[in-house]
Amino acid sequence: MADDILLLKARELAEKINIDAKQLRLSNGWLQKSKKRNGIRSHTLCGEGGSVEDDAVRDARLQLQEEVACFDPENVLNFDETALFYRLAPNRTKSIVNGHRSGSGD
């Protein structure tokens, strides 16, 4: 989740629980310190694609051809070429570091 989205959600939450905006200074500095204090880090998601059986690929392609056959060719789009990605998974994520403890003397 991007930092600007985290700040937006923090502002929405503050408003929802009636915290005065003057009392709460939500800034990039506050967010970075909060993430450090709580052990939240950003990680790049990566990995190699798994192997797929040739028969499964052939069957899926045939099924797809059957499903799009009822559409006019001008209404069939290649999402890869149009830069549209339906439910594209993010390439980064935030996580809490294992064993991280907040505060002193815990």
N, C-alpha and C. Protein backbone atom coordinates (compact mmCIF):
# COMPACT_ATOMS: atom_id res chain seq x y z
N MET A 1 0.86 -1.17 0.00
CA MET A 1 0.00 0.00 0.00
C MET A 1 0.90 1.23 0.00
N ALA A 2 0.61 2.16 -0.85
CA ALA A 2 1.43 3.36 -0.96
C ALA A 2 1.27 4.24 0.28
N ASP A 3 2.32 4.97 0.60
CA ASP A 3 2.30 5.82 1.79
C ASP A 3 1.18 6.85 1.74
N ASP A 4 0.90 7.41 0.56
CA ASP A 4 -0.17 8.41 0.48
C ASP A 4 -1.53 7.80 0.80
N ILE A 5 -1.72 6.53 0.47
CA ILE A 5 -2.98 5.86 0.81
C ILE A 5 -3.05 5.62 2.31
N LEU A 6 -1.93 5.24 2.93
CA LEU A 6 -1.91 5.05 4.38
C LEU A 6 -2.24 6.35 5.11
N LEU A 7 -1.68 7.46 4.64
CA LEU A 7 -1.98 8.75 5.25
C LEU A 7 -3.45 9.13 5.07
N LEU A 8 -3.99 8.87 3.90
CA LEU A 8 -5.40 9.15 3.64
C LEU A 8 -6.29 8.33 4.58
N LYS A 9 -5.98 7.05 4.73
CA LYS A 9 -6.77 6.19 5.62
C LYS A 9 -6.63 6.64 7.08
N ALA A 10 -5.44 7.10 7.47
CA ALA A 10 -5.24 7.60 8.83
C ALA A 10 -6.10 8.84 9.07
N ARG A 11 -6.16 9.72 8.07
CA ARG A 11 -7.01 10.92 8.20
C ARG A 11 -8.48 10.54 8.30
N GLU A 12 -8.90 9.57 7.47
CA GLU A 12 -10.30 9.12 7.52
C GLU A 12 -10.63 8.52 8.87
N LEU A 13 -9.71 7.73 9.42
CA LEU A 13 -9.93 7.11 10.73
C LEU A 13 -10.00 8.18 11.81
N ALA A 14 -9.11 9.15 11.77
CA ALA A 14 -9.11 10.23 12.75
C ALA A 14 -10.43 10.99 12.72
N GLU A 15 -10.91 11.25 11.52
CA GLU A 15 -12.19 11.95 11.38
C GLU A 15 -13.33 11.10 11.92
N LYS A 16 -13.27 9.82 11.64
CA LYS A 16 -14.33 8.91 12.07
C LYS A 16 -14.43 8.81 13.59
N ILE A 17 -13.28 8.88 14.28
CA ILE A 17 -13.30 8.76 15.74
C ILE A 17 -13.17 10.14 16.41
N ASN A 18 -13.47 11.18 15.64
CA ASN A 18 -13.56 12.56 16.12
C ASN A 18 -12.28 13.08 16.75
N ILE A 19 -11.15 12.85 16.12
CA ILE A 19 -9.89 13.44 16.56
C ILE A 19 -9.69 14.71 15.75
N ASP A 20 -9.45 15.81 16.45
CA ASP A 20 -9.26 17.11 15.80
C ASP A 20 -8.01 17.07 14.94
N ALA A 21 -8.12 17.55 13.72
CA ALA A 21 -7.00 17.54 12.78
C ALA A 21 -5.83 18.36 13.30
N LYS A 22 -6.10 19.38 14.14
CA LYS A 22 -5.02 20.20 14.71
C LYS A 22 -4.21 19.41 15.73
N GLN A 23 -4.85 18.46 16.40
CA GLN A 23 -4.15 17.63 17.39
C GLN A 23 -3.28 16.58 16.71
N LEU A 24 -3.70 16.13 15.57
CA LEU A 24 -3.03 15.03 14.89
C LEU A 24 -2.32 15.57 13.65
N ARG A 25 -1.01 15.50 13.65
CA ARG A 25 -0.24 15.99 12.51
C ARG A 25 0.22 14.81 11.68
N LEU A 26 -0.58 14.45 10.71
CA LEU A 26 -0.27 13.31 9.86
C LEU A 26 0.60 13.78 8.70
N SER A 27 1.86 13.40 8.76
CA SER A 27 2.82 13.80 7.73
C SER A 27 3.61 12.57 7.30
N ASN A 28 4.44 12.75 6.28
CA ASN A 28 5.30 11.64 5.86
C ASN A 28 6.26 11.25 6.97
N GLY A 29 6.75 12.23 7.73
CA GLY A 29 7.62 11.93 8.86
C GLY A 29 6.92 11.09 9.91
N TRP A 30 5.67 11.46 10.23
CA TRP A 30 4.89 10.68 11.20
C TRP A 30 4.71 9.25 10.71
N LEU A 31 4.41 9.11 9.43
CA LEU A 31 4.17 7.78 8.88
C LEU A 31 5.44 6.93 8.93
N GLN A 32 6.58 7.52 8.55
CA GLN A 32 7.84 6.76 8.56
C GLN A 32 8.19 6.32 9.98
N LYS A 33 8.02 7.21 10.95
CA LYS A 33 8.31 6.86 12.35
C LYS A 33 7.35 5.80 12.86
N SER A 34 6.09 5.90 12.46
CA SER A 34 5.09 4.91 12.87
C SER A 34 5.42 3.54 12.29
N LYS A 35 5.82 3.49 11.03
CA LYS A 35 6.19 2.21 10.41
C LYS A 35 7.43 1.63 11.08
N LYS A 36 8.40 2.48 11.40
CA LYS A 36 9.62 2.00 12.07
C LYS A 36 9.29 1.50 13.47
N ARG A 37 8.48 2.25 14.22
CA ARG A 37 8.11 1.89 15.58
C ARG A 37 7.36 0.56 15.62
N ASN A 38 6.55 0.29 14.60
CA ASN A 38 5.75 -0.93 14.58
C ASN A 38 6.37 -2.04 13.73
N GLY A 39 7.57 -1.81 13.23
CA GLY A 39 8.26 -2.85 12.47
C GLY A 39 7.62 -3.17 11.14
N ILE A 40 7.05 -2.17 10.48
CA ILE A 40 6.40 -2.39 9.19
C ILE A 40 7.39 -2.06 8.08
N ARG A 41 7.61 -3.01 7.20
CA ARG A 41 8.56 -2.83 6.11
C ARG A 41 7.87 -3.11 4.78
N SER A 42 8.43 -2.54 3.74
CA SER A 42 7.93 -2.77 2.39
C SER A 42 8.80 -3.82 1.71
N HIS A 43 8.17 -4.77 1.05
CA HIS A 43 8.88 -5.83 0.36
C HIS A 43 8.42 -5.92 -1.08
N THR A 44 9.35 -6.23 -1.96
CA THR A 44 9.00 -6.47 -3.35
C THR A 44 8.58 -7.91 -3.50
N LEU A 45 7.45 -8.12 -4.12
CA LEU A 45 6.96 -9.47 -4.37
C LEU A 45 7.54 -9.95 -5.69
N CYS A 46 8.16 -11.08 -5.66
CA CYS A 46 8.71 -11.61 -6.89
C CYS A 46 8.74 -13.13 -6.81
N GLY A 47 9.03 -13.72 -7.87
CA GLY A 47 9.10 -15.17 -7.92
C GLY A 47 8.90 -15.65 -9.33
N GLU A 48 9.26 -16.87 -9.54
CA GLU A 48 9.12 -17.43 -10.88
C GLU A 48 7.74 -18.06 -11.01
N GLY A 49 7.24 -18.02 -12.22
CA GLY A 49 5.96 -18.65 -12.49
C GLY A 49 6.07 -20.16 -12.38
N GLY A 50 5.01 -20.77 -11.93
CA GLY A 50 5.01 -22.22 -11.81
C GLY A 50 4.84 -22.89 -13.16
N SER A 51 5.17 -24.13 -13.20
CA SER A 51 5.02 -24.87 -14.45
C SER A 51 3.55 -25.25 -14.65
N VAL A 52 3.17 -25.37 -15.89
CA VAL A 52 1.80 -25.70 -16.24
C VAL A 52 1.83 -26.83 -17.26
N GLU A 53 0.93 -27.75 -17.10
CA GLU A 53 0.84 -28.87 -18.04
C GLU A 53 0.38 -28.35 -19.41
N ASP A 54 0.97 -28.87 -20.46
CA ASP A 54 0.61 -28.45 -21.82
C ASP A 54 -0.86 -28.70 -22.11
N ASP A 55 -1.39 -29.81 -21.61
CA ASP A 55 -2.81 -30.12 -21.83
C ASP A 55 -3.71 -29.07 -21.19
N ALA A 56 -3.34 -28.59 -20.01
CA ALA A 56 -4.15 -27.59 -19.32
C ALA A 56 -4.17 -26.28 -20.10
N VAL A 57 -3.02 -25.91 -20.67
CA VAL A 57 -2.95 -24.68 -21.47
C VAL A 57 -3.81 -24.82 -22.72
N ARG A 58 -3.71 -25.95 -23.39
CA ARG A 58 -4.50 -26.17 -24.61
C ARG A 58 -5.99 -26.13 -24.29
N ASP A 59 -6.40 -26.80 -23.21
CA ASP A 59 -7.82 -26.81 -22.84
C ASP A 59 -8.32 -25.41 -22.50
N ALA A 60 -7.51 -24.65 -21.77
CA ALA A 60 -7.92 -23.29 -21.40
C ALA A 60 -8.04 -22.39 -22.62
N ARG A 61 -7.12 -22.54 -23.57
CA ARG A 61 -7.19 -21.74 -24.80
C ARG A 61 -8.44 -22.07 -25.60
N LEU A 62 -8.78 -23.36 -25.68
CA LEU A 62 -10.00 -23.76 -26.40
C LEU A 62 -11.23 -23.20 -25.71
N GLN A 63 -11.26 -23.26 -24.39
CA GLN A 63 -12.40 -22.74 -23.64
C GLN A 63 -12.52 -21.23 -23.86
N LEU A 64 -11.41 -20.52 -23.84
CA LEU A 64 -11.43 -19.08 -24.06
C LEU A 64 -11.93 -18.75 -25.46
N GLN A 65 -11.49 -19.50 -26.45
CA GLN A 65 -11.95 -19.27 -27.82
C GLN A 65 -13.46 -19.47 -27.92
N GLU A 66 -13.99 -20.47 -27.23
CA GLU A 66 -15.44 -20.71 -27.24
C GLU A 66 -16.18 -19.55 -26.59
N GLU A 67 -15.63 -19.03 -25.50
CA GLU A 67 -16.30 -17.95 -24.76
C GLU A 67 -16.32 -16.63 -25.54
N VAL A 68 -15.28 -16.35 -26.30
CA VAL A 68 -15.24 -15.07 -27.03
C VAL A 68 -15.82 -15.18 -28.43
N ALA A 69 -16.18 -16.38 -28.86
CA ALA A 69 -16.71 -16.58 -30.21
C ALA A 69 -18.01 -15.81 -30.45
N CYS A 70 -18.77 -15.55 -29.39
CA CYS A 70 -20.05 -14.85 -29.56
C CYS A 70 -19.88 -13.34 -29.71
N PHE A 71 -18.67 -12.82 -29.55
CA PHE A 71 -18.41 -11.39 -29.68
C PHE A 71 -17.86 -11.05 -31.05
N ASP A 72 -18.14 -9.83 -31.51
CA ASP A 72 -17.53 -9.35 -32.74
C ASP A 72 -16.03 -9.16 -32.49
N PRO A 73 -15.20 -9.43 -33.49
CA PRO A 73 -13.74 -9.31 -33.29
C PRO A 73 -13.29 -7.95 -32.77
N GLU A 74 -13.97 -6.87 -33.17
CA GLU A 74 -13.56 -5.55 -32.70
C GLU A 74 -13.86 -5.34 -31.21
N ASN A 75 -14.67 -6.22 -30.63
CA ASN A 75 -14.99 -6.12 -29.20
C ASN A 75 -14.17 -7.09 -28.34
N VAL A 76 -13.24 -7.78 -28.95
CA VAL A 76 -12.37 -8.70 -28.21
C VAL A 76 -11.02 -8.02 -28.06
N LEU A 77 -10.60 -7.79 -26.81
CA LEU A 77 -9.37 -7.06 -26.53
C LEU A 77 -8.31 -7.97 -25.93
N ASN A 78 -7.08 -7.68 -26.24
CA ASN A 78 -5.95 -8.34 -25.60
C ASN A 78 -5.51 -7.41 -24.47
N PHE A 79 -5.78 -7.80 -23.22
CA PHE A 79 -5.50 -6.92 -22.08
C PHE A 79 -4.02 -6.57 -21.99
N ASP A 80 -3.16 -7.46 -22.41
CA ASP A 80 -1.73 -7.18 -22.36
C ASP A 80 -1.38 -6.02 -23.29
N GLU A 81 -2.01 -5.97 -24.44
CA GLU A 81 -1.73 -4.90 -25.41
C GLU A 81 -2.41 -3.59 -25.04
N THR A 82 -3.52 -3.64 -24.33
CA THR A 82 -4.23 -2.42 -23.97
C THR A 82 -3.79 -1.87 -22.63
N ALA A 83 -2.88 -2.56 -21.96
CA ALA A 83 -2.36 -2.16 -20.65
C ALA A 83 -3.45 -2.20 -19.58
N LEU A 84 -4.47 -2.98 -19.80
CA LEU A 84 -5.50 -3.18 -18.79
C LEU A 84 -5.24 -4.52 -18.11
N PHE A 85 -5.15 -4.50 -16.80
CA PHE A 85 -4.89 -5.73 -16.06
C PHE A 85 -5.97 -5.88 -15.01
N TYR A 86 -6.87 -6.83 -15.22
CA TYR A 86 -7.97 -7.05 -14.31
C TYR A 86 -7.45 -7.73 -13.05
N ARG A 87 -7.68 -7.09 -11.92
CA ARG A 87 -7.25 -7.62 -10.63
C ARG A 87 -5.76 -7.96 -10.59
N LEU A 88 -4.97 -7.09 -11.13
CA LEU A 88 -3.53 -7.28 -11.13
C LEU A 88 -3.02 -7.20 -9.70
N ALA A 89 -2.27 -8.18 -9.29
CA ALA A 89 -1.71 -8.21 -7.94
C ALA A 89 -0.62 -7.14 -7.83
N PRO A 90 -0.50 -6.51 -6.66
CA PRO A 90 0.55 -5.51 -6.50
C PRO A 90 1.93 -6.16 -6.52
N ASN A 91 2.94 -5.36 -6.87
CA ASN A 91 4.29 -5.90 -6.89
C ASN A 91 5.05 -5.59 -5.60
N ARG A 92 4.40 -4.89 -4.66
CA ARG A 92 4.99 -4.61 -3.35
C ARG A 92 3.95 -4.85 -2.28
N THR A 93 4.44 -5.12 -1.06
CA THR A 93 3.53 -5.31 0.07
C THR A 93 4.21 -4.84 1.34
N LYS A 94 3.44 -4.59 2.37
CA LYS A 94 3.97 -4.21 3.67
C LYS A 94 3.80 -5.41 4.60
N SER A 95 4.76 -5.58 5.50
CA SER A 95 4.66 -6.66 6.47
C SER A 95 5.29 -6.22 7.77
N ILE A 96 4.91 -6.91 8.84
CA ILE A 96 5.47 -6.65 10.16
C ILE A 96 6.63 -7.61 10.36
N VAL A 97 7.75 -7.09 10.81
CA VAL A 97 8.94 -7.90 11.01
C VAL A 97 8.69 -8.87 12.16
N ASN A 98 8.98 -10.16 11.95
CA ASN A 98 8.79 -11.17 12.99
C ASN A 98 9.60 -10.82 14.23
N GLY A 99 8.96 -10.95 15.38
CA GLY A 99 9.64 -10.74 16.64
C GLY A 99 9.83 -9.28 17.02
N HIS A 100 9.33 -8.36 16.22
CA HIS A 100 9.49 -6.94 16.53
C HIS A 100 8.60 -6.59 17.70
N ARG A 101 9.18 -5.86 18.66
CA ARG A 101 8.40 -5.44 19.82
C ARG A 101 8.47 -3.93 19.93
N SER A 102 7.34 -3.33 20.15
CA SER A 102 7.26 -1.89 20.25
C SER A 102 7.47 -1.46 21.70
N GLY A 103 7.98 -0.27 21.89
CA GLY A 103 8.15 0.27 23.23
C GLY A 103 9.42 -0.21 23.89
N SER A 104 9.63 0.25 25.12
CA SER A 104 10.84 -0.14 25.83
C SER A 104 10.49 -1.02 27.01
N GLY A 105 11.35 -1.99 27.29
CA GLY A 105 11.17 -2.85 28.45
C GLY A 105 10.10 -3.90 28.31
N ASP A 106 9.61 -4.14 27.11
CA ASP A 106 8.57 -5.17 26.92
C ASP A 106 9.15 -6.55 27.00
